[in-house]
Amino acid sequence: MAAVTLYIRRDDPRSARARNLLQRRGATLSLIDVTDDPVRLGELSERTGGRTHAPQAFLEGRYLGGLDELIDMEERGALEWMLEGGHEASSPV
């Protein structure tokens, strides 16, 4: 299954929800907690074009988005497909 890097905030319900969603789909997660880490928060901002809120997800280095985007992909059936090696640009969904 795909490797997902997930930027989170400790004790944040949205971060927990994103983590649970990705785990249910079998993603291998690498969690980066930006709660009290200005260096990691700066890294997140650079990787997302200025976003500093968590959660934010990257699939094998490619930016997926935050919780709202993950939920949207899940509802369309695209998240599982992408995690299994598909590519959003050519998604049939």
N, C-alpha and C. Protein backbone atom coordinates (compact mmCIF):
# COMPACT_ATOMS: atom_id res chain seq x y z
N MET A 1 0.85 -1.18 0.00
CA MET A 1 0.00 0.00 0.00
C MET A 1 0.90 1.24 0.00
N ALA A 2 0.34 2.33 -0.39
CA ALA A 2 1.06 3.58 -0.57
C ALA A 2 1.54 4.17 0.74
N ALA A 3 2.63 4.92 0.64
CA ALA A 3 3.19 5.63 1.79
C ALA A 3 2.63 7.05 1.80
N VAL A 4 2.02 7.43 2.93
CA VAL A 4 1.44 8.75 3.07
C VAL A 4 2.12 9.47 4.22
N THR A 5 2.57 10.69 3.95
CA THR A 5 3.07 11.57 4.99
C THR A 5 1.92 12.46 5.40
N LEU A 6 1.64 12.48 6.70
CA LEU A 6 0.52 13.24 7.22
C LEU A 6 1.01 14.22 8.28
N TYR A 7 0.88 15.50 7.98
CA TYR A 7 1.19 16.54 8.96
C TYR A 7 -0.01 16.69 9.87
N ILE A 8 0.22 16.61 11.17
CA ILE A 8 -0.87 16.64 12.14
C ILE A 8 -0.58 17.64 13.25
N ARG A 9 -1.61 17.92 14.03
CA ARG A 9 -1.48 18.64 15.30
C ARG A 9 -1.97 17.71 16.40
N ARG A 10 -1.20 17.65 17.45
CA ARG A 10 -1.53 16.80 18.60
C ARG A 10 -2.88 17.23 19.18
N ASP A 11 -3.69 16.28 19.57
CA ASP A 11 -4.99 16.51 20.19
C ASP A 11 -5.96 17.29 19.30
N ASP A 12 -5.78 17.19 17.99
CA ASP A 12 -6.66 17.87 17.05
C ASP A 12 -7.61 16.85 16.43
N PRO A 13 -8.93 17.05 16.60
CA PRO A 13 -9.88 16.08 16.06
C PRO A 13 -9.81 15.91 14.55
N ARG A 14 -9.52 16.98 13.81
CA ARG A 14 -9.42 16.87 12.35
C ARG A 14 -8.21 16.02 11.96
N SER A 15 -7.11 16.20 12.67
CA SER A 15 -5.93 15.38 12.42
C SER A 15 -6.21 13.91 12.72
N ALA A 16 -6.90 13.65 13.83
CA ALA A 16 -7.25 12.28 14.19
C ALA A 16 -8.17 11.66 13.14
N ARG A 17 -9.10 12.44 12.64
CA ARG A 17 -10.03 11.92 11.63
C ARG A 17 -9.31 11.57 10.34
N ALA A 18 -8.38 12.44 9.91
CA ALA A 18 -7.60 12.16 8.69
C ALA A 18 -6.76 10.91 8.88
N ARG A 19 -6.13 10.80 10.04
CA ARG A 19 -5.30 9.63 10.33
C ARG A 19 -6.14 8.35 10.28
N ASN A 20 -7.30 8.37 10.93
CA ASN A 20 -8.17 7.19 10.94
C ASN A 20 -8.65 6.83 9.54
N LEU A 21 -9.01 7.82 8.75
CA LEU A 21 -9.47 7.57 7.39
C LEU A 21 -8.38 6.88 6.57
N LEU A 22 -7.17 7.40 6.64
CA LEU A 22 -6.07 6.82 5.88
C LEU A 22 -5.70 5.43 6.39
N GLN A 23 -5.73 5.24 7.71
CA GLN A 23 -5.42 3.91 8.26
C GLN A 23 -6.47 2.89 7.84
N ARG A 24 -7.74 3.28 7.83
CA ARG A 24 -8.80 2.37 7.39
C ARG A 24 -8.59 1.92 5.94
N ARG A 25 -8.01 2.78 5.15
CA ARG A 25 -7.75 2.47 3.74
C ARG A 25 -6.42 1.73 3.57
N GLY A 26 -5.70 1.47 4.66
CA GLY A 26 -4.49 0.67 4.60
C GLY A 26 -3.22 1.42 4.27
N ALA A 27 -3.26 2.74 4.32
CA ALA A 27 -2.06 3.53 4.01
C ALA A 27 -0.99 3.31 5.07
N THR A 28 0.24 3.31 4.63
CA THR A 28 1.38 3.31 5.54
C THR A 28 1.67 4.76 5.88
N LEU A 29 1.48 5.13 7.15
CA LEU A 29 1.57 6.53 7.54
C LEU A 29 2.90 6.89 8.17
N SER A 30 3.37 8.06 7.78
CA SER A 30 4.48 8.72 8.44
C SER A 30 3.90 10.02 8.99
N LEU A 31 3.82 10.13 10.32
CA LEU A 31 3.20 11.28 10.94
C LEU A 31 4.24 12.33 11.32
N ILE A 32 3.92 13.59 11.01
CA ILE A 32 4.78 14.71 11.39
C ILE A 32 3.93 15.67 12.20
N ASP A 33 4.25 15.79 13.49
CA ASP A 33 3.50 16.64 14.40
C ASP A 33 4.08 18.05 14.35
N VAL A 34 3.25 19.01 13.94
CA VAL A 34 3.69 20.41 13.83
C VAL A 34 3.25 21.25 15.02
N THR A 35 2.66 20.62 16.04
CA THR A 35 2.06 21.34 17.16
C THR A 35 3.00 22.38 17.77
N ASP A 36 4.16 21.97 18.18
CA ASP A 36 5.11 22.88 18.84
C ASP A 36 6.45 22.92 18.11
N ASP A 37 6.40 22.79 16.79
CA ASP A 37 7.63 22.68 16.02
C ASP A 37 7.62 23.68 14.86
N PRO A 38 8.20 24.87 15.08
CA PRO A 38 8.20 25.88 14.02
C PRO A 38 8.96 25.46 12.76
N VAL A 39 9.95 24.61 12.91
CA VAL A 39 10.70 24.14 11.74
C VAL A 39 9.80 23.27 10.87
N ARG A 40 9.11 22.33 11.49
CA ARG A 40 8.19 21.46 10.73
C ARG A 40 7.02 22.25 10.17
N LEU A 41 6.55 23.26 10.91
CA LEU A 41 5.46 24.10 10.42
C LEU A 41 5.91 24.89 9.19
N GLY A 42 7.16 25.38 9.20
CA GLY A 42 7.72 26.05 8.03
C GLY A 42 7.84 25.11 6.85
N GLU A 43 8.24 23.88 7.13
CA GLU A 43 8.33 22.85 6.08
C GLU A 43 6.95 22.60 5.47
N LEU A 44 5.93 22.49 6.32
CA LEU A 44 4.57 22.30 5.84
C LEU A 44 4.14 23.45 4.96
N SER A 45 4.41 24.66 5.38
CA SER A 45 4.05 25.85 4.60
C SER A 45 4.71 25.84 3.23
N GLU A 46 5.98 25.47 3.19
CA GLU A 46 6.70 25.40 1.91
C GLU A 46 6.10 24.33 1.00
N ARG A 47 5.79 23.19 1.55
CA ARG A 47 5.29 22.07 0.73
C ARG A 47 3.87 22.29 0.23
N THR A 48 3.09 23.14 0.92
CA THR A 48 1.69 23.33 0.55
C THR A 48 1.41 24.69 -0.06
N GLY A 49 2.42 25.48 -0.28
CA GLY A 49 2.21 26.80 -0.85
C GLY A 49 1.62 27.79 0.13
N GLY A 50 1.94 27.63 1.41
CA GLY A 50 1.53 28.60 2.42
C GLY A 50 0.55 28.10 3.45
N ARG A 51 0.02 26.93 3.29
CA ARG A 51 -0.93 26.41 4.28
C ARG A 51 -0.17 25.99 5.54
N THR A 52 -0.72 26.35 6.69
CA THR A 52 -0.08 25.97 7.94
C THR A 52 -1.04 25.25 8.87
N HIS A 53 -2.24 24.94 8.40
CA HIS A 53 -3.17 24.20 9.25
C HIS A 53 -3.02 22.70 8.96
N ALA A 54 -3.24 21.93 9.98
CA ALA A 54 -3.17 20.48 9.85
C ALA A 54 -4.58 19.93 10.00
N PRO A 55 -4.83 18.79 9.41
CA PRO A 55 -3.91 17.89 8.74
C PRO A 55 -3.69 18.27 7.27
N GLN A 56 -2.56 17.83 6.77
CA GLN A 56 -2.22 17.95 5.35
C GLN A 56 -1.54 16.64 4.95
N ALA A 57 -1.94 16.07 3.83
CA ALA A 57 -1.46 14.75 3.42
C ALA A 57 -0.70 14.80 2.10
N PHE A 58 0.32 13.96 2.03
CA PHE A 58 1.13 13.78 0.82
C PHE A 58 1.22 12.29 0.52
N LEU A 59 0.91 11.93 -0.70
CA LEU A 59 0.99 10.54 -1.14
C LEU A 59 2.28 10.36 -1.92
N GLU A 60 3.22 9.66 -1.33
CA GLU A 60 4.52 9.42 -1.95
C GLU A 60 5.10 10.71 -2.50
N GLY A 61 5.00 11.78 -1.69
CA GLY A 61 5.57 13.08 -2.04
C GLY A 61 4.64 14.01 -2.78
N ARG A 62 3.53 13.51 -3.29
CA ARG A 62 2.58 14.33 -4.04
C ARG A 62 1.49 14.85 -3.11
N TYR A 63 1.25 16.15 -3.15
CA TYR A 63 0.29 16.78 -2.25
C TYR A 63 -1.14 16.35 -2.55
N LEU A 64 -1.83 15.85 -1.52
CA LEU A 64 -3.23 15.46 -1.67
C LEU A 64 -4.18 16.53 -1.14
N GLY A 65 -3.82 17.16 -0.04
CA GLY A 65 -4.67 18.18 0.56
C GLY A 65 -4.92 17.89 2.02
N GLY A 66 -5.91 18.58 2.56
CA GLY A 66 -6.28 18.44 3.96
C GLY A 66 -7.44 17.48 4.14
N LEU A 67 -8.05 17.54 5.31
CA LEU A 67 -9.13 16.61 5.62
C LEU A 67 -10.29 16.73 4.65
N ASP A 68 -10.69 17.93 4.30
CA ASP A 68 -11.82 18.09 3.38
C ASP A 68 -11.56 17.42 2.04
N GLU A 69 -10.35 17.57 1.53
CA GLU A 69 -10.00 16.93 0.26
C GLU A 69 -9.98 15.41 0.40
N LEU A 70 -9.46 14.91 1.53
CA LEU A 70 -9.43 13.46 1.74
C LEU A 70 -10.85 12.90 1.80
N ILE A 71 -11.74 13.60 2.50
CA ILE A 71 -13.14 13.15 2.58
C ILE A 71 -13.78 13.15 1.20
N ASP A 72 -13.52 14.19 0.42
CA ASP A 72 -14.07 14.26 -0.93
C ASP A 72 -13.57 13.09 -1.78
N MET A 73 -12.27 12.81 -1.72
CA MET A 73 -11.71 11.69 -2.48
C MET A 73 -12.31 10.38 -2.03
N GLU A 74 -12.50 10.23 -0.72
CA GLU A 74 -13.09 9.01 -0.17
C GLU A 74 -14.52 8.83 -0.69
N GLU A 75 -15.30 9.90 -0.67
CA GLU A 75 -16.69 9.82 -1.13
C GLU A 75 -16.80 9.49 -2.61
N ARG A 76 -15.84 9.94 -3.40
CA ARG A 76 -15.85 9.66 -4.84
C ARG A 76 -15.24 8.31 -5.18
N GLY A 77 -14.65 7.65 -4.18
CA GLY A 77 -14.00 6.37 -4.43
C GLY A 77 -12.58 6.51 -4.94
N ALA A 78 -12.08 7.73 -4.99
CA ALA A 78 -10.76 7.96 -5.55
C ALA A 78 -9.63 7.70 -4.55
N LEU A 79 -9.89 7.85 -3.27
CA LEU A 79 -8.82 7.70 -2.28
C LEU A 79 -8.26 6.29 -2.28
N GLU A 80 -9.11 5.31 -2.19
CA GLU A 80 -8.65 3.91 -2.19
C GLU A 80 -7.90 3.61 -3.49
N TRP A 81 -8.44 4.08 -4.59
CA TRP A 81 -7.83 3.85 -5.90
C TRP A 81 -6.42 4.46 -5.95
N MET A 82 -6.29 5.69 -5.45
CA MET A 82 -4.99 6.35 -5.44
C MET A 82 -4.00 5.63 -4.53
N LEU A 83 -4.47 5.20 -3.37
CA LEU A 83 -3.59 4.50 -2.42
C LEU A 83 -3.13 3.16 -2.97
N GLU A 84 -3.89 2.62 -3.90
CA GLU A 84 -3.51 1.35 -4.52
C GLU A 84 -2.64 1.55 -5.76
N GLY A 85 -2.23 2.79 -6.02
CA GLY A 85 -1.30 3.03 -7.11
C GLY A 85 -1.85 3.79 -8.28
N GLY A 86 -3.11 4.20 -8.24
CA GLY A 86 -3.69 4.98 -9.33
C GLY A 86 -3.22 6.42 -9.27
N HIS A 87 -3.57 7.19 -10.25
CA HIS A 87 -3.21 8.59 -10.30
C HIS A 87 -4.47 9.42 -10.50
N GLU A 88 -4.63 10.44 -9.64
CA GLU A 88 -5.83 11.26 -9.64
C GLU A 88 -6.13 11.86 -11.02
N ALA A 89 -5.11 12.27 -11.74
CA ALA A 89 -5.33 12.94 -13.03
C ALA A 89 -6.06 12.04 -14.03
N SER A 90 -5.84 10.75 -13.92
CA SER A 90 -6.48 9.84 -14.87
C SER A 90 -7.57 9.01 -14.22
N SER A 91 -8.03 9.46 -13.05
CA SER A 91 -9.04 8.73 -12.32
C SER A 91 -10.35 8.65 -13.10
N PRO A 92 -10.94 7.47 -13.17
CA PRO A 92 -12.22 7.33 -13.83
C PRO A 92 -13.38 7.84 -12.99
N VAL A 93 -13.11 8.20 -11.74
CA VAL A 93 -14.16 8.62 -10.81
C VAL A 93 -14.38 10.10 -10.90
